[in-house]
C-alpha cells in the first residue's frame, strides 16, 4: 500500500483496511474527513508515529500549541508545508515509501 491507495481507500471504504497501525488508521480517518475518529486512533498509539499524526490533527484544527506539544513528543518540528503535503509525507514515511 502507498499513500495514494490509503487515500483512495478512505474515499470508498467504510472502515480502514485491516492491519494498519494506530497512526495509519488515524491518517485514514483524517483522509475520510472524520477528525474525531482520527484523533481517537492517534491517541490509541503510544509511539512517535502516532504522536506525529496527532500533531498533524491538532495543526489541522488550528490548535498550534497542542500540535507543537505532539511534534515534540514525536521528535519533530512543525513543518511549514501545507497540511495535505504533510499528510502525504507522513503516509509515505509510515508506509515505507
PDB file of N, CA and C in Angstrom:
ATOM      1  N   UNK A   1       0.850  -1.179   0.000  1.00  0.00           N
ATOM      2  CA  UNK A   1       0.000   0.000   0.000  1.00  0.00           C
ATOM      3  C   UNK A   1       0.892   1.237   0.000  1.00  0.00           C
ATOM      4  N   UNK A   2       0.459   2.261  -0.720  1.00  0.00           N
ATOM      5  CA  UNK A   2       1.153   3.539  -0.725  1.00  0.00           C
ATOM      6  C   UNK A   2       0.184   4.629  -0.279  1.00  0.00           C
ATOM      7  N   UNK A   3       0.674   5.860  -0.185  1.00  0.00           N
ATOM      8  CA  UNK A   3      -0.146   6.962   0.310  1.00  0.00           C
ATOM      9  C   UNK A   3      -1.386   7.185  -0.552  1.00  0.00           C
ATOM     10  N   UNK A   4      -1.235   7.081  -1.864  1.00  0.00           N
ATOM     11  CA  UNK A   4      -2.376   7.297  -2.762  1.00  0.00           C
ATOM     12  C   UNK A   4      -3.447   6.232  -2.555  1.00  0.00           C
ATOM     13  N   UNK A   5      -3.047   4.990  -2.381  1.00  0.00           N
ATOM     14  CA  UNK A   5      -4.048   3.935  -2.185  1.00  0.00           C
ATOM     15  C   UNK A   5      -4.691   4.048  -0.802  1.00  0.00           C
ATOM     16  N   UNK A   6      -3.949   4.531   0.189  1.00  0.00           N
ATOM     17  CA  UNK A   6      -4.543   4.773   1.508  1.00  0.00           C
ATOM     18  C   UNK A   6      -5.623   5.843   1.391  1.00  0.00           C
ATOM     19  N   UNK A   7      -5.322   6.906   0.657  1.00  0.00           N
ATOM     20  CA  UNK A   7      -6.291   7.984   0.465  1.00  0.00           C
ATOM     21  C   UNK A   7      -7.503   7.493  -0.339  1.00  0.00           C
ATOM     22  N   UNK A   8      -7.255   6.706  -1.385  1.00  0.00           N
ATOM     23  CA  UNK A   8      -8.371   6.158  -2.185  1.00  0.00           C
ATOM     24  C   UNK A   8      -9.265   5.275  -1.331  1.00  0.00           C
ATOM     25  N   UNK A   9      -8.663   4.452  -0.478  1.00  0.00           N
ATOM     26  CA  UNK A   9      -9.443   3.593   0.402  1.00  0.00           C
ATOM     27  C   UNK A   9     -10.372   4.425   1.283  1.00  0.00           C
ATOM     28  N   UNK A  10      -9.869   5.531   1.794  1.00  0.00           N
ATOM     29  CA  UNK A  10     -10.693   6.394   2.649  1.00  0.00           C
ATOM     30  C   UNK A  10     -11.866   6.989   1.881  1.00  0.00           C
ATOM     31  N   UNK A  11     -11.689   7.159   0.580  1.00  0.00           N
ATOM     32  CA  UNK A  11     -12.758   7.738  -0.233  1.00  0.00           C
ATOM     33  C   UNK A  11     -13.880   6.749  -0.516  1.00  0.00           C
ATOM     34  N   UNK A  12     -13.575   5.458  -0.488  1.00  0.00           N
ATOM     35  CA  UNK A  12     -14.591   4.479  -0.906  1.00  0.00           C
ATOM     36  C   UNK A  12     -14.978   3.463   0.158  1.00  0.00           C
ATOM     37  N   UNK A  13     -14.114   3.206   1.128  1.00  0.00           N
ATOM     38  CA  UNK A  13     -14.390   2.166   2.118  1.00  0.00           C
ATOM     39  C   UNK A  13     -15.001   2.751   3.381  1.00  0.00           C
ATOM     40  N   UNK A  14     -15.742   1.913   4.107  1.00  0.00           N
ATOM     41  CA  UNK A  14     -16.397   2.356   5.329  1.00  0.00           C
ATOM     42  C   UNK A  14     -15.488   2.259   6.550  1.00  0.00           C
ATOM     43  N   UNK A  15     -14.445   1.445   6.453  1.00  0.00           N
ATOM     44  CA  UNK A  15     -13.527   1.251   7.572  1.00  0.00           C
ATOM     45  C   UNK A  15     -12.110   1.114   7.032  1.00  0.00           C
ATOM     46  N   UNK A  16     -11.128   1.402   7.879  1.00  0.00           N
ATOM     47  CA  UNK A  16      -9.739   1.275   7.424  1.00  0.00           C
ATOM     48  C   UNK A  16      -9.399  -0.166   7.055  1.00  0.00           C
ATOM     49  N   UNK A  17      -8.455  -0.346   6.141  1.00  0.00           N
ATOM     50  CA  UNK A  17      -8.011  -1.702   5.820  1.00  0.00           C
ATOM     51  C   UNK A  17      -7.481  -2.395   7.076  1.00  0.00           C
ATOM     52  N   UNK A  18      -7.650  -3.696   7.182  1.00  0.00           N
ATOM     53  CA  UNK A  18      -7.151  -4.405   8.364  1.00  0.00           C
ATOM     54  C   UNK A  18      -5.624  -4.363   8.427  1.00  0.00           C
ATOM     55  N   UNK A  19      -5.128  -4.402   9.655  1.00  0.00           N
ATOM     56  CA  UNK A  19      -3.695  -4.489   9.859  1.00  0.00           C
ATOM     57  C   UNK A  19      -2.946  -3.176   9.918  1.00  0.00           C
ATOM     58  N   UNK A  20      -3.650  -2.061   9.797  1.00  0.00           N
ATOM     59  CA  UNK A  20      -2.968  -0.763   9.876  1.00  0.00           C
ATOM     60  C   UNK A  20      -2.611  -0.436  11.324  1.00  0.00           C
ATOM     61  N   UNK A  21      -1.480   0.196  11.514  1.00  0.00           N
ATOM     62  CA  UNK A  21      -1.089   0.681  12.838  1.00  0.00           C
ATOM     63  C   UNK A  21      -2.062   1.783  13.275  1.00  0.00           C
ATOM     64  N   UNK A  22      -2.088   2.100  14.567  1.00  0.00           N
ATOM     65  CA  UNK A  22      -2.941   3.217  15.001  1.00  0.00           C
ATOM     66  C   UNK A  22      -2.637   4.517  14.250  1.00  0.00           C
ATOM     67  N   UNK A  23      -1.365   4.793  13.977  1.00  0.00           N
ATOM     68  CA  UNK A  23      -1.007   6.023  13.265  1.00  0.00           C
ATOM     69  C   UNK A  23      -1.586   6.018  11.855  1.00  0.00           C
ATOM     70  N   UNK A  24      -1.478   4.896  11.153  1.00  0.00           N
ATOM     71  CA  UNK A  24      -2.034   4.818   9.795  1.00  0.00           C
ATOM     72  C   UNK A  24      -3.556   4.833   9.813  1.00  0.00           C
ATOM     73  N   UNK A  25      -4.161   4.217  10.829  1.00  0.00           N
ATOM     74  CA  UNK A  25      -5.624   4.315  10.959  1.00  0.00           C
ATOM     75  C   UNK A  25      -6.032   5.771  11.139  1.00  0.00           C
ATOM     76  N   UNK A  26      -5.271   6.506  11.940  1.00  0.00           N
ATOM     77  CA  UNK A  26      -5.580   7.918  12.161  1.00  0.00           C
ATOM     78  C   UNK A  26      -5.467   8.704  10.853  1.00  0.00           C
ATOM     79  N   UNK A  27      -4.439   8.433  10.059  1.00  0.00           N
ATOM     80  CA  UNK A  27      -4.322   9.102   8.759  1.00  0.00           C
ATOM     81  C   UNK A  27      -5.492   8.743   7.862  1.00  0.00           C
ATOM     82  N   UNK A  28      -5.891   7.472   7.888  1.00  0.00           N
ATOM     83  CA  UNK A  28      -7.021   7.022   7.070  1.00  0.00           C
ATOM     84  C   UNK A  28      -8.285   7.797   7.451  1.00  0.00           C
ATOM     85  N   UNK A  29      -8.567   7.869   8.763  1.00  0.00           N
ATOM     86  CA  UNK A  29      -9.765   8.587   9.216  1.00  0.00           C
ATOM     87  C   UNK A  29      -9.673  10.074   8.887  1.00  0.00           C
ATOM     88  N   UNK A  30      -8.463  10.637   8.967  1.00  0.00           N
ATOM     89  CA  UNK A  30      -8.286  12.038   8.603  1.00  0.00           C
ATOM     90  C   UNK A  30      -8.598  12.238   7.122  1.00  0.00           C
ATOM     91  N   UNK A  31      -8.121  11.337   6.281  1.00  0.00           N
ATOM     92  CA  UNK A  31      -8.414  11.435   4.841  1.00  0.00           C
ATOM     93  C   UNK A  31      -9.909  11.299   4.583  1.00  0.00           C
ATOM     94  N   UNK A  32     -10.589  10.550   5.432  1.00  0.00           N
ATOM     95  CA  UNK A  32     -12.033  10.360   5.308  1.00  0.00           C
ATOM     96  C   UNK A  32     -12.791  11.603   5.768  1.00  0.00           C
ATOM     97  N   UNK A  33     -12.100  12.499   6.495  1.00  0.00           N
ATOM     98  CA  UNK A  33     -12.752  13.708   6.982  1.00  0.00           C
ATOM     99  C   UNK A  33     -13.359  13.568   8.356  1.00  0.00           C
ATOM    100  N   UNK A  34     -13.018  12.497   9.070  1.00  0.00           N
ATOM    101  CA  UNK A  34     -13.560  12.265  10.415  1.00  0.00           C
ATOM    102  C   UNK A  34     -12.467  12.566  11.439  1.00  0.00           C
ATOM    103  N   UNK A  35     -12.382  13.837  11.846  1.00  0.00           N
ATOM    104  CA  UNK A  35     -11.327  14.261  12.764  1.00  0.00           C
ATOM    105  C   UNK A  35     -11.400  13.501  14.081  1.00  0.00           C
ATOM    106  N   UNK A  36     -12.596  13.297  14.599  1.00  0.00           N
ATOM    107  CA  UNK A  36     -12.732  12.648  15.908  1.00  0.00           C
ATOM    108  C   UNK A  36     -12.254  11.205  15.880  1.00  0.00           C
ATOM    109  N   UNK A  37     -12.624  10.445  14.854  1.00  0.00           N
ATOM    110  CA  UNK A  37     -12.140   9.069  14.737  1.00  0.00           C
ATOM    111  C   UNK A  37     -10.631   9.057  14.531  1.00  0.00           C
ATOM    112  N   UNK A  38     -10.122  10.014  13.768  1.00  0.00           N
ATOM    113  CA  UNK A  38      -8.676  10.112  13.557  1.00  0.00           C
ATOM    114  C   UNK A  38      -7.971  10.397  14.876  1.00  0.00           C
ATOM    115  N   UNK A  39      -8.526  11.298  15.657  1.00  0.00           N
ATOM    116  CA  UNK A  39      -7.932  11.656  16.939  1.00  0.00           C
ATOM    117  C   UNK A  39      -7.941  10.462  17.890  1.00  0.00           C
ATOM    118  N   UNK A  40      -9.030   9.719  17.918  1.00  0.00           N
ATOM    119  CA  UNK A  40      -9.098   8.516  18.760  1.00  0.00           C
ATOM    120  C   UNK A  40      -8.026   7.512  18.367  1.00  0.00           C
ATOM    121  N   UNK A  41      -7.864   7.295  17.069  1.00  0.00           N
ATOM    122  CA  UNK A  41      -6.856   6.343  16.594  1.00  0.00           C
ATOM    123  C   UNK A  41      -5.452   6.822  16.958  1.00  0.00           C
ATOM    124  N   UNK A  42      -5.186   8.108  16.794  1.00  0.00           N
ATOM    125  CA  UNK A  42      -3.866   8.644  17.138  1.00  0.00           C
ATOM    126  C   UNK A  42      -3.598   8.491  18.634  1.00  0.00           C
ATOM    127  N   UNK A  43      -4.612   8.718  19.449  1.00  0.00           N
ATOM    128  CA  UNK A  43      -4.451   8.576  20.897  1.00  0.00           C
ATOM    129  C   UNK A  43      -4.229   7.123  21.299  1.00  0.00           C
ATOM    130  N   UNK A  44      -4.730   6.178  20.508  1.00  0.00           N
ATOM    131  CA  UNK A  44      -4.572   4.758  20.828  1.00  0.00           C
ATOM    132  C   UNK A  44      -3.123   4.308  20.666  1.00  0.00           C
ATOM    133  N   UNK A  45      -2.384   4.985  19.804  1.00  0.00           N
ATOM    134  CA  UNK A  45      -0.979   4.646  19.627  1.00  0.00           C
ATOM    135  C   UNK A  45      -0.126   5.366  20.661  1.00  0.00           C
ATOM    136  N   UNK A  46       0.879   4.691  21.146  1.00  0.00           N
ATOM    137  CA  UNK A  46       1.740   5.289  22.159  1.00  0.00           C
ATOM    138  C   UNK A  46       3.174   5.404  21.657  1.00  0.00           C
ATOM    139  N   UNK A  47       3.317   5.608  20.358  1.00  0.00           N
ATOM    140  CA  UNK A  47       4.633   5.669  19.749  1.00  0.00           C
ATOM    141  C   UNK A  47       4.836   7.016  19.052  1.00  0.00           C
ATOM    142  N   UNK A  48       6.039   7.235  18.560  1.00  0.00           N
ATOM    143  CA  UNK A  48       6.367   8.506  17.911  1.00  0.00           C
ATOM    144  C   UNK A  48       5.558   8.714  16.638  1.00  0.00           C
ATOM    145  N   UNK A  49       5.256   7.634  15.905  1.00  0.00           N
ATOM    146  CA  UNK A  49       4.457   7.774  14.686  1.00  0.00           C
ATOM    147  C   UNK A  49       3.061   8.298  15.003  1.00  0.00           C
ATOM    148  N   UNK A  50       2.448   7.749  16.041  1.00  0.00           N
ATOM    149  CA  UNK A  50       1.117   8.219  16.440  1.00  0.00           C
ATOM    150  C   UNK A  50       1.167   9.661  16.926  1.00  0.00           C
ATOM    151  N   UNK A  51       2.239  10.023  17.634  1.00  0.00           N
ATOM    152  CA  UNK A  51       2.397  11.411  18.084  1.00  0.00           C
ATOM    153  C   UNK A  51       2.519  12.350  16.887  1.00  0.00           C
ATOM    154  N   UNK A  52       3.206  11.906  15.838  1.00  0.00           N
ATOM    155  CA  UNK A  52       3.367  12.725  14.629  1.00  0.00           C
ATOM    156  C   UNK A  52       2.015  12.995  13.986  1.00  0.00           C
ATOM    157  N   UNK A  53       1.198  11.937  13.856  1.00  0.00           N
ATOM    158  CA  UNK A  53      -0.135  12.116  13.279  1.00  0.00           C
ATOM    159  C   UNK A  53      -1.001  12.960  14.208  1.00  0.00           C
ATOM    160  N   UNK A  54      -0.874  12.733  15.495  1.00  0.00           N
ATOM    161  CA  UNK A  54      -1.622  13.510  16.489  1.00  0.00           C
ATOM    162  C   UNK A  54      -1.313  15.004  16.318  1.00  0.00           C
ATOM    163  N   UNK A  55      -0.033  15.320  16.086  1.00  0.00           N
ATOM    164  CA  UNK A  55       0.375  16.706  15.854  1.00  0.00           C
ATOM    165  C   UNK A  55      -0.309  17.271  14.615  1.00  0.00           C
ATOM    166  N   UNK A  56      -0.304  16.508  13.535  1.00  0.00           N
ATOM    167  CA  UNK A  56      -0.971  16.940  12.295  1.00  0.00           C
ATOM    168  C   UNK A  56      -2.441  17.255  12.565  1.00  0.00           C
ATOM    169  N   UNK A  57      -3.100  16.409  13.319  1.00  0.00           N
ATOM    170  CA  UNK A  57      -4.530  16.605  13.583  1.00  0.00           C
ATOM    171  C   UNK A  57      -4.784  17.899  14.359  1.00  0.00           C
ATOM    172  N   UNK A  58      -3.948  18.184  15.363  1.00  0.00           N
ATOM    173  CA  UNK A  58      -4.146  19.422  16.113  1.00  0.00           C
ATOM    174  C   UNK A  58      -3.749  20.636  15.283  1.00  0.00           C
ATOM    175  N   UNK A  59      -2.792  20.458  14.398  1.00  0.00           N
ATOM    176  CA  UNK A  59      -2.469  21.541  13.462  1.00  0.00           C
ATOM    177  C   UNK A  59      -3.660  21.806  12.547  1.00  0.00           C
ATOM    178  N   UNK A  60      -4.295  20.731  12.077  1.00  0.00           N
ATOM    179  CA  UNK A  60      -5.456  20.881  11.193  1.00  0.00           C
ATOM    180  C   UNK A  60      -6.587  21.630  11.895  1.00  0.00           C
ATOM    181  N   UNK A  61      -6.785  21.361  13.181  1.00  0.00           N
ATOM    182  CA  UNK A  61      -7.880  22.035  13.889  1.00  0.00           C
ATOM    183  C   UNK A  61      -7.506  23.458  14.298  1.00  0.00           C
ATOM    184  N   UNK A  62      -6.234  23.832  14.108  1.00  0.00           N
ATOM    185  CA  UNK A  62      -5.816  25.187  14.433  1.00  0.00           C
ATOM    186  C   UNK A  62      -5.274  25.366  15.830  1.00  0.00           C
ATOM    187  N   UNK A  63      -5.112  24.272  16.575  1.00  0.00           N
ATOM    188  CA  UNK A  63      -4.583  24.330  17.934  1.00  0.00           C
ATOM    189  C   UNK A  63      -3.066  24.115  17.869  1.00  0.00           C
ATOM    190  N   UNK A  64      -2.342  25.185  17.513  1.00  0.00           N
ATOM    191  CA  UNK A  64      -0.913  25.056  17.250  1.00  0.00           C
ATOM    192  C   UNK A  64      -0.096  24.770  18.505  1.00  0.00           C
ATOM    193  N   UNK A  65      -0.513  25.261  19.653  1.00  0.00           N
ATOM    194  CA  UNK A  65       0.216  24.961  20.890  1.00  0.00           C
ATOM    195  C   UNK A  65       0.153  23.461  21.181  1.00  0.00           C
ATOM    196  N   UNK A  66      -1.028  22.883  21.039  1.00  0.00           N
ATOM    197  CA  UNK A  66      -1.186  21.448  21.258  1.00  0.00           C
ATOM    198  C   UNK A  66      -0.435  20.665  20.176  1.00  0.00           C
ATOM    199  N   UNK A  67      -0.512  21.133  18.945  1.00  0.00           N
ATOM    200  CA  UNK A  67       0.227  20.487  17.853  1.00  0.00           C
ATOM    201  C   UNK A  67       1.715  20.477  18.160  1.00  0.00           C
ATOM    202  N   UNK A  68       2.245  21.606  18.612  1.00  0.00           N
ATOM    203  CA  UNK A  68       3.675  21.685  18.901  1.00  0.00           C
ATOM    204  C   UNK A  68       4.078  20.714  20.008  1.00  0.00           C
ATOM    205  N   UNK A  69       3.210  20.554  20.999  1.00  0.00           N
ATOM    206  CA  UNK A  69       3.468  19.556  22.051  1.00  0.00           C
ATOM    207  C   UNK A  69       3.629  18.175  21.426  1.00  0.00           C
ATOM    208  N   UNK A  70       2.732  17.784  20.520  1.00  0.00           N
ATOM    209  CA  UNK A  70       2.791  16.458  19.906  1.00  0.00           C
ATOM    210  C   UNK A  70       3.954  16.339  18.927  1.00  0.00           C
ATOM    211  N   UNK A  71       4.307  17.422  18.248  1.00  0.00           N
ATOM    212  CA  UNK A  71       5.520  17.369  17.419  1.00  0.00           C
ATOM    213  C   UNK A  71       6.739  17.079  18.292  1.00  0.00           C
ATOM    214  N   UNK A  72       6.833  17.730  19.447  1.00  0.00           N
ATOM    215  CA  UNK A  72       7.954  17.456  20.351  1.00  0.00           C
ATOM    216  C   UNK A  72       7.944  15.996  20.797  1.00  0.00           C
ATOM    217  N   UNK A  73       6.760  15.466  21.129  1.00  0.00           N
ATOM    218  CA  UNK A  73       6.663  14.053  21.530  1.00  0.00           C
ATOM    219  C   UNK A  73       7.107  13.126  20.400  1.00  0.00           C
ATOM    220  N   UNK A  74       6.901  13.563  19.172  1.00  0.00           N
ATOM    221  CA  UNK A  74       7.293  12.762  18.004  1.00  0.00           C
ATOM    222  C   UNK A  74       8.763  12.985  17.634  1.00  0.00           C
ATOM    223  N   UNK A  75       9.418  13.947  18.296  1.00  0.00           N
ATOM    224  CA  UNK A  75      10.803  14.259  17.966  1.00  0.00           C
ATOM    225  C   UNK A  75      10.930  15.047  16.677  1.00  0.00           C
ATOM    226  N   UNK A  76       9.921  15.866  16.395  1.00  0.00           N
ATOM    227  CA  UNK A  76       9.878  16.636  15.145  1.00  0.00           C
ATOM    228  C   UNK A  76       9.520  18.089  15.433  1.00  0.00           C
ATOM    229  N   UNK A  77       9.690  18.912  14.419  1.00  0.00           N
ATOM    230  CA  UNK A  77       9.264  20.313  14.469  1.00  0.00           C
ATOM    231  C   UNK A  77       8.072  20.494  13.541  1.00  0.00           C
ATOM    232  N   UNK A  78       7.235  21.464  13.870  1.00  0.00           N
ATOM    233  CA  UNK A  78       6.098  21.759  12.997  1.00  0.00           C
ATOM    234  C   UNK A  78       6.623  22.219  11.639  1.00  0.00           C
ATOM    235  N   UNK A  79       6.171  21.583  10.557  1.00  0.00           N
ATOM    236  CA  UNK A  79       6.658  21.961   9.228  1.00  0.00           C
ATOM    237  C   UNK A  79       5.940  23.197   8.700  1.00  0.00           C
ATOM    238  N   UNK A  80       6.536  23.797   7.707  1.00  0.00           N
ATOM    239  CA  UNK A  80       5.920  24.948   7.043  1.00  0.00           C
ATOM    240  C   UNK A  80       5.048  24.514   5.873  1.00  0.00           C
ATOM    241  N   UNK A  81       5.169  23.250   5.465  1.00  0.00           N
ATOM    242  CA  UNK A  81       4.425  22.768   4.302  1.00  0.00           C
ATOM    243  C   UNK A  81       2.926  22.734   4.585  1.00  0.00           C
ATOM    244  N   UNK A  82       2.100  22.813   3.537  1.00  0.00           N
ATOM    245  CA  UNK A  82       0.645  22.727   3.719  1.00  0.00           C
ATOM    246  C   UNK A  82       0.233  21.406   4.359  1.00  0.00           C
ATOM    247  N   UNK A  83      -0.917  21.408   4.984  1.00  0.00           N
ATOM    248  CA  UNK A  83      -1.403  20.220   5.694  1.00  0.00           C
ATOM    249  C   UNK A  83      -1.454  18.980   4.804  1.00  0.00           C
ATOM    250  N   UNK A  84      -1.959  19.129   3.595  1.00  0.00           N
ATOM    251  CA  UNK A  84      -2.086  17.948   2.724  1.00  0.00           C
ATOM    252  C   UNK A  84      -0.724  17.412   2.312  1.00  0.00           C
ATOM    253  N   UNK A  85       0.250  18.292   2.162  1.00  0.00           N
ATOM    254  CA  UNK A  85       1.612  17.838   1.860  1.00  0.00           C
ATOM    255  C   UNK A  85       2.193  17.100   3.053  1.00  0.00           C
ATOM    256  N   UNK A  86       1.929  17.601   4.251  1.00  0.00           N
ATOM    257  CA  UNK A  86       2.411  16.901   5.442  1.00  0.00           C
ATOM    258  C   UNK A  86       1.735  15.542   5.567  1.00  0.00           C
ATOM    259  N   UNK A  87       0.434  15.470   5.294  1.00  0.00           N
ATOM    260  CA  UNK A  87      -0.273  14.186   5.333  1.00  0.00           C
ATOM    261  C   UNK A  87       0.436  13.181   4.424  1.00  0.00           C
ATOM    262  N   UNK A  88       0.744  13.610   3.208  1.00  0.00           N
ATOM    263  CA  UNK A  88       1.408  12.723   2.238  1.00  0.00           C
ATOM    264  C   UNK A  88       2.804  12.335   2.717  1.00  0.00           C
ATOM    265  N   UNK A  89       3.518  13.261   3.320  1.00  0.00           N
ATOM    266  CA  UNK A  89       4.865  12.974   3.849  1.00  0.00           C
ATOM    267  C   UNK A  89       4.785  11.923   4.955  1.00  0.00           C
ATOM    268  N   UNK A  90       3.847  12.094   5.864  1.00  0.00           N
ATOM    269  CA  UNK A  90       3.695  11.134   6.962  1.00  0.00           C
ATOM    270  C   UNK A  90       3.286   9.774   6.409  1.00  0.00           C
ATOM    271  N   UNK A  91       2.293   9.764   5.536  1.00  0.00           N
ATOM    272  CA  UNK A  91       1.829   8.494   4.980  1.00  0.00           C
ATOM    273  C   UNK A  91       2.961   7.749   4.282  1.00  0.00           C
ATOM    274  N   UNK A  92       3.733   8.456   3.471  1.00  0.00           N
ATOM    275  CA  UNK A  92       4.844   7.823   2.751  1.00  0.00           C
ATOM    276  C   UNK A  92       5.871   7.265   3.749  1.00  0.00           C
ATOM    277  N   UNK A  93       6.176   8.031   4.787  1.00  0.00           N
ATOM    278  CA  UNK A  93       7.151   7.578   5.773  1.00  0.00           C
ATOM    279  C   UNK A  93       6.660   6.331   6.509  1.00  0.00           C
ATOM    280  N   UNK A  94       5.387   6.327   6.903  1.00  0.00           N
ATOM    281  CA  UNK A  94       4.853   5.207   7.683  1.00  0.00           C
ATOM    282  C   UNK A  94       4.618   3.967   6.818  1.00  0.00           C
ATOM    283  N   UNK A  95       4.407   4.188   5.524  1.00  0.00           N
ATOM    284  CA  UNK A  95       4.177   3.056   4.625  1.00  0.00           C
ATOM    285  C   UNK A  95       5.472   2.563   3.998  1.00  0.00           C
ATOM    286  N   UNK A  96       6.579   3.187   4.373  1.00  0.00           N
ATOM    287  CA  UNK A  96       7.877   2.718   3.896  1.00  0.00           C
ATOM    288  C   UNK A  96       8.253   3.211   2.526  1.00  0.00           C
ATOM    289  N   UNK A  97       7.618   4.283   2.064  1.00  0.00           N
ATOM    290  CA  UNK A  97       7.953   4.772   0.732  1.00  0.00           C
ATOM    291  C   UNK A  97       8.255   6.205   0.782  1.00  0.00           C
TER     292      UNK A  97
END
